């Protein structure tokens, strides 16, 4: 992100209300750790049924990233409107929310695909800055995820360092291309966050997180969405998650 945009965000943050300042003092909307578990945004059976459909749809091309599926796919629109997810987001940022962007991530067996350390602001759009006191990211598991199949890792408290410089990851031969990652000290491991299908994690948009490569016989799917309060400038302005 360009330095001028960073400075504008710093000035905007300095003008936040007292309640937002209090949240920032404790590490942000989600506290010192910067994340909160979200159990049961859907049933495990519903998540696995969607997984079977998506694996069948993308198996031939071995698609790894589907960008903004909520704009065209009914299953994704249903996910971002899931009542438990929507209520949890509204509890943090207010009733009026809009979806900034979504990704479906598919990890195929025996295929290298590691997502580097990043923040959910990284490279989305240098003209749009997600205000950390008015935005939240959601990482949603459609399959069971654990250390053996490349579950999510987070660095608790890393949101307190603010937005970090980022750039393309080292060259890869993946079909998805080169991801954008934050500059993190080599050897940083983080805390693994195993999850069952139908659960997820709400995260501060500045929280550093990644997922590793693991080679197993079954595909692993996650859907990531970034709802943000609708009265702030978003590429998807007017697309309310509750409408």
Protein backbone atom coordinates (compact mmCIF):
# COMPACT_ATOMS: atom_id res chain seq x y z
CA UNK A 1 0.00 0.00 0.00
CA UNK A 2 1.32 3.48 -0.85
CA UNK A 3 2.72 5.51 2.09
CA UNK A 4 0.24 8.37 1.55
CA UNK A 5 -2.67 5.95 1.95
CA UNK A 6 -1.12 4.61 5.15
CA UNK A 7 -0.84 8.15 6.50
CA UNK A 8 -4.50 8.82 5.68
CA UNK A 9 -5.46 5.69 7.62
CA UNK A 10 -3.34 6.82 10.58
CA UNK A 11 -5.12 10.20 10.60
CA UNK A 12 -8.53 8.52 10.32
CA UNK A 13 -7.70 6.23 13.23
CA UNK A 14 -6.62 9.19 15.34
CA UNK A 15 -10.09 10.71 14.87
CA UNK A 16 -11.94 7.57 16.02
CA UNK A 17 -14.49 7.81 18.81
CA UNK A 18 -13.57 7.13 22.41
CA UNK A 19 -15.14 3.68 22.25
CA UNK A 20 -12.98 2.80 19.25
CA UNK A 21 -9.90 4.14 21.04
CA UNK A 22 -10.74 1.85 23.94
CA UNK A 23 -10.96 -1.10 21.58
CA UNK A 24 -7.63 -0.18 20.00
CA UNK A 25 -6.00 0.05 23.44
CA UNK A 26 -6.96 -3.57 24.11
CA UNK A 27 -5.64 -4.77 20.73
CA UNK A 28 -8.67 -4.00 18.54
CA UNK A 29 -12.25 -5.16 18.17
CA UNK A 30 -11.29 -8.75 18.93
CA UNK A 31 -9.12 -8.08 21.96
CA UNK A 32 -5.46 -8.67 22.65
CA UNK A 33 -5.19 -11.84 20.59
CA UNK A 34 -6.87 -10.35 17.53
CA UNK A 35 -9.18 -13.30 16.81
CA UNK A 36 -12.24 -15.14 18.07
CA UNK A 37 -13.48 -18.67 17.33
CA UNK A 38 -16.76 -18.91 15.46
CA UNK A 39 -18.46 -22.23 16.05
CA UNK A 40 -21.40 -23.41 14.01
CA UNK A 41 -21.80 -20.76 11.32
CA UNK A 42 -23.38 -23.75 9.57
CA UNK A 43 -23.79 -27.44 10.36
CA UNK A 44 -20.94 -29.84 9.50
CA UNK A 45 -23.30 -31.70 7.18
CA UNK A 46 -24.13 -28.52 5.23
CA UNK A 47 -20.43 -27.64 4.92
CA UNK A 48 -19.49 -31.11 3.68
CA UNK A 49 -22.36 -31.14 1.18
CA UNK A 50 -21.11 -27.85 -0.29
CA UNK A 51 -17.58 -29.30 -0.35
CA UNK A 52 -18.70 -32.29 -2.41
CA UNK A 53 -20.40 -29.99 -4.92
CA UNK A 54 -17.42 -27.64 -5.18
CA UNK A 55 -14.86 -30.42 -5.51
CA UNK A 56 -16.90 -31.92 -8.35
CA UNK A 57 -17.19 -28.53 -10.06
CA UNK A 58 -13.48 -27.70 -9.87
CA UNK A 59 -11.79 -31.11 -10.02
CA UNK A 60 -11.05 -31.13 -13.75
CA UNK A 61 -9.17 -27.81 -13.71
CA UNK A 62 -7.79 -28.24 -10.18
CA UNK A 63 -8.85 -24.66 -9.45
CA UNK A 64 -7.09 -23.30 -6.36
CA UNK A 65 -8.55 -19.81 -5.91
CA UNK A 66 -12.06 -18.59 -6.79
CA UNK A 67 -12.28 -14.82 -6.31
CA UNK A 68 -15.46 -13.17 -5.11
CA UNK A 69 -17.80 -16.15 -5.52
CA UNK A 70 -20.48 -14.25 -3.57
CA UNK A 71 -21.04 -12.08 -6.66
CA UNK A 72 -22.17 -14.97 -8.87
CA UNK A 73 -22.71 -18.18 -6.88
CA UNK A 74 -25.78 -18.80 -4.75
CA UNK A 75 -23.89 -21.09 -2.33
CA UNK A 76 -21.45 -18.24 -1.55
CA UNK A 77 -24.23 -15.69 -1.13
CA UNK A 78 -25.85 -18.08 1.35
CA UNK A 79 -22.55 -18.39 3.25
CA UNK A 80 -22.04 -14.64 3.75
CA UNK A 81 -25.67 -14.33 4.86
CA UNK A 82 -25.48 -17.26 7.30
CA UNK A 83 -27.39 -15.98 10.37
CA UNK A 84 -24.79 -16.97 12.97
CA UNK A 85 -21.93 -15.45 10.95
CA UNK A 86 -23.86 -12.27 10.19
CA UNK A 87 -24.87 -11.82 13.83
CA UNK A 88 -21.27 -12.24 15.00
CA UNK A 89 -20.02 -9.65 12.49
CA UNK A 90 -22.80 -7.19 13.33
CA UNK A 91 -21.97 -7.55 17.02
CA UNK A 92 -18.51 -6.21 16.22
CA UNK A 93 -18.99 -3.56 13.52
CA UNK A 94 -22.67 -2.62 13.68
CA UNK A 95 -25.87 -3.62 11.95
CA UNK A 96 -25.14 -2.18 8.49
CA UNK A 97 -22.48 -4.37 6.86
CA UNK A 98 -21.32 -5.02 3.32
CA UNK A 99 -19.03 -7.69 1.89
CA UNK A 100 -15.75 -6.24 0.65
CA UNK A 101 -14.43 -9.42 -1.00
CA UNK A 102 -14.50 -13.19 -0.74
CA UNK A 103 -12.21 -16.04 -1.75
CA UNK A 104 -12.78 -19.77 -2.02
CA UNK A 105 -9.50 -21.62 -1.41
CA UNK A 106 -9.14 -25.21 -2.61
CA UNK A 107 -6.11 -27.31 -1.66
CA UNK A 108 -5.81 -30.45 -3.79
CA UNK A 109 -4.08 -33.65 -2.63
CA UNK A 110 -0.36 -33.97 -3.43
CA UNK A 111 -0.21 -30.41 -4.78
CA UNK A 112 1.99 -27.71 -3.24
CA UNK A 113 -0.08 -24.78 -2.04
CA UNK A 114 1.02 -22.79 1.00
CA UNK A 115 -0.52 -19.37 1.68
CA UNK A 116 2.18 -16.99 3.00
CA UNK A 117 1.92 -14.78 6.06
CA UNK A 118 -0.41 -11.93 5.20
CA UNK A 119 -3.00 -9.48 6.51
CA UNK A 120 -6.42 -9.33 4.90
CA UNK A 121 -5.78 -5.79 3.69
CA UNK A 122 -2.72 -6.88 1.66
CA UNK A 123 -2.98 -5.86 -1.97
CA UNK A 124 -6.77 -5.86 -2.23
CA UNK A 125 -7.01 -2.33 -3.54
CA UNK A 126 -4.60 0.51 -2.76
CA UNK A 127 -7.50 2.97 -3.11
CA UNK A 128 -9.48 1.30 -0.31
CA UNK A 129 -8.23 0.86 3.26
CA UNK A 130 -10.17 -1.33 5.67
CA UNK A 131 -10.50 0.62 8.92
CA UNK A 132 -9.51 -1.87 11.67
CA UNK A 133 -12.08 -0.43 14.10
CA UNK A 134 -14.90 -0.92 11.59
CA UNK A 135 -13.92 -4.08 9.69
CA UNK A 136 -13.52 -7.77 10.47
CA UNK A 137 -12.32 -10.79 8.48
CA UNK A 138 -13.84 -14.27 8.66
CA UNK A 139 -11.99 -17.49 7.84
CA UNK A 140 -14.56 -20.26 7.34
CA UNK A 141 -13.86 -24.00 7.18
CA UNK A 142 -15.85 -26.09 4.70
CA UNK A 143 -13.80 -29.18 5.56
CA UNK A 144 -12.11 -30.34 8.76
CA UNK A 145 -8.70 -28.66 8.98
CA UNK A 146 -5.76 -29.59 11.20
CA UNK A 147 -1.96 -29.79 11.22
CA UNK A 148 -2.00 -32.72 8.80
CA UNK A 149 -3.87 -30.87 6.04
CA UNK A 150 -2.54 -27.35 6.30
CA UNK A 151 -4.73 -25.60 8.86
CA UNK A 152 -4.68 -21.88 9.54
CA UNK A 153 -1.85 -20.41 11.65
CA UNK A 154 -2.08 -17.02 13.35
CA UNK A 155 0.32 -14.74 15.24
CA UNK A 156 -1.71 -13.60 18.27
CA UNK A 157 -1.35 -9.90 18.97
CA UNK A 158 0.29 -9.14 15.61
CA UNK A 159 -2.52 -6.71 14.76
CA UNK A 160 -1.01 -4.31 17.30
CA UNK A 161 1.85 -3.69 14.86
CA UNK A 162 -0.57 -2.15 12.35
CA UNK A 163 -0.51 -2.70 8.61
CA UNK A 164 2.86 -4.01 7.38
CA UNK A 165 4.65 -3.66 4.04
CA UNK A 166 3.84 -6.51 1.67
CA UNK A 167 4.95 -7.89 -1.67
CA UNK A 168 4.73 -10.98 -3.94
CA UNK A 169 5.83 -14.26 -2.44
CA UNK A 170 8.89 -15.98 -3.97
CA UNK A 171 8.36 -17.56 -7.39
CA UNK A 172 6.02 -20.54 -7.49
CA UNK A 173 4.75 -22.85 -10.18
CA UNK A 174 1.24 -22.97 -8.77
CA UNK A 175 -1.68 -22.48 -11.10
CA UNK A 176 -2.94 -19.69 -8.84
CA UNK A 177 0.11 -17.48 -9.42
CA UNK A 178 2.12 -15.66 -6.76
CA UNK A 179 0.36 -14.58 -3.60
CA UNK A 180 0.99 -11.35 -1.70
CA UNK A 181 2.60 -11.70 1.69
CA UNK A 182 3.68 -9.47 4.58
CA UNK A 183 7.33 -9.17 5.52
CA UNK A 184 7.69 -11.46 8.54
CA UNK A 185 10.90 -12.75 10.15
CA UNK A 186 12.04 -16.05 8.68
CA UNK A 187 11.22 -18.98 10.94
CA UNK A 188 8.08 -17.39 12.39
CA UNK A 189 5.75 -20.30 13.13
CA UNK A 190 2.60 -18.93 14.76
CA UNK A 191 -0.19 -20.83 16.49
CA UNK A 192 -2.08 -23.56 14.58
CA UNK A 193 -5.87 -23.22 14.60
CA UNK A 194 -7.48 -26.60 13.79
CA UNK A 195 -11.18 -26.32 12.94
CA UNK A 196 -14.10 -28.58 12.17
CA UNK A 197 -16.20 -28.17 9.05
CA UNK A 198 -18.81 -25.50 9.69
CA UNK A 199 -16.66 -23.52 12.12
CA UNK A 200 -14.36 -20.57 11.54
CA UNK A 201 -12.36 -17.69 12.92
CA UNK A 202 -13.17 -13.98 13.11
CA UNK A 203 -9.99 -11.92 12.78
CA UNK A 204 -8.79 -8.36 13.03
CA UNK A 205 -8.01 -7.34 9.43
CA UNK A 206 -4.42 -6.61 10.53
CA UNK A 207 -3.83 -10.04 12.13
CA UNK A 208 -1.02 -11.99 10.48
CA UNK A 209 -2.09 -15.47 9.37
CA UNK A 210 -1.12 -18.18 6.90
CA UNK A 211 -1.76 -21.81 6.01
CA UNK A 212 0.82 -24.46 5.19
CA UNK A 213 1.03 -27.15 2.53
CA UNK A 214 0.13 -30.68 3.50
CA UNK A 215 -0.26 -33.61 1.08
CA UNK A 216 -3.30 -35.76 1.86
CA UNK A 217 -5.66 -37.89 -0.18
CA UNK A 218 -8.62 -35.49 0.08
CA UNK A 219 -9.14 -31.88 -0.95
CA UNK A 220 -9.35 -29.16 1.70
CA UNK A 221 -11.64 -26.16 1.20
CA UNK A 222 -12.05 -22.88 3.03
CA UNK A 223 -14.03 -19.79 2.26
CA UNK A 224 -12.67 -16.42 3.43
CA UNK A 225 -14.80 -13.30 3.55
CA UNK A 226 -14.16 -9.75 4.73
CA UNK A 227 -17.40 -8.05 5.78
CA UNK A 228 -17.01 -4.34 6.58
CA UNK A 229 -19.35 -1.65 7.82
CA UNK A 230 -21.31 -0.41 4.83
CA UNK A 231 -20.97 3.33 5.36
CA UNK A 232 -17.27 3.18 4.60
CA UNK A 233 -15.89 3.16 1.02
CA UNK A 234 -15.88 -0.37 -0.38
CA UNK A 235 -15.49 -1.75 -3.91
CA UNK A 236 -18.80 -3.54 -3.28
CA UNK A 237 -20.66 -0.48 -1.94
CA UNK A 238 -24.38 -1.17 -1.76
CA UNK A 239 -24.09 -4.97 -1.66
CA UNK A 240 -25.32 -5.53 1.85
CA UNK A 241 -24.75 -8.93 3.40
CA UNK A 242 -28.15 -8.69 4.99
CA UNK A 243 -30.08 -7.86 1.82
